[in-house]
Amino acid sequence: MRLIVATDGSEESEEAVRYATAHAVALDATLEIVHALEPGAELVGGEIVLPGGEKATELAEETLAAARQLAVDAAETEDGSLTVETQLLAGRPADAITKHATETDADAIYVGHRGLSEQQDLVVGSVAKSIVDKASVPVTVIR
């Protein structure tokens, strides 16, 4: 079983990581933490490059590392029974996350209700809502 949790470093996404971790432990599932960069980002030679050529890999990897540590701490297990993987995604977050879930045969997606782009969500629509609309697997939205 594979569970995906999306993170952007916000408090809401941290809560989603904790919640998904509890489910992964209970279900003996692999927990995959994903971080999707904004539109226009591309993976080029293993580096995430934003429009204009700025590299964002280090910041994205820090976000994933922090979420991974949060999951390990939340699991409260030292026997290695929780398998945690991380994946950087590029593109519109809802599209990238749902596409990745389909490609990896994920069983569920967990996402925070609001993330770091709350102001943008008011204009272009919530990432969480878009994931719910586009996903082919169950989605849990954490408030």
Foldseek 3Di string as FASTA:
>chain_A
DEEEQEDDLFPLSLVLLLVVLVVCLVVLYAYEYEYEDEAQWDQDPNFTAHPVGDTDRVVRVVRQVVSVVSSVVSNPDDPPSYHYHYDYFYHHVLVRVQVVCVVVVHQEYEYEFDHPPNVVCVPPNTSLVSNCVRHPHYYHYGD
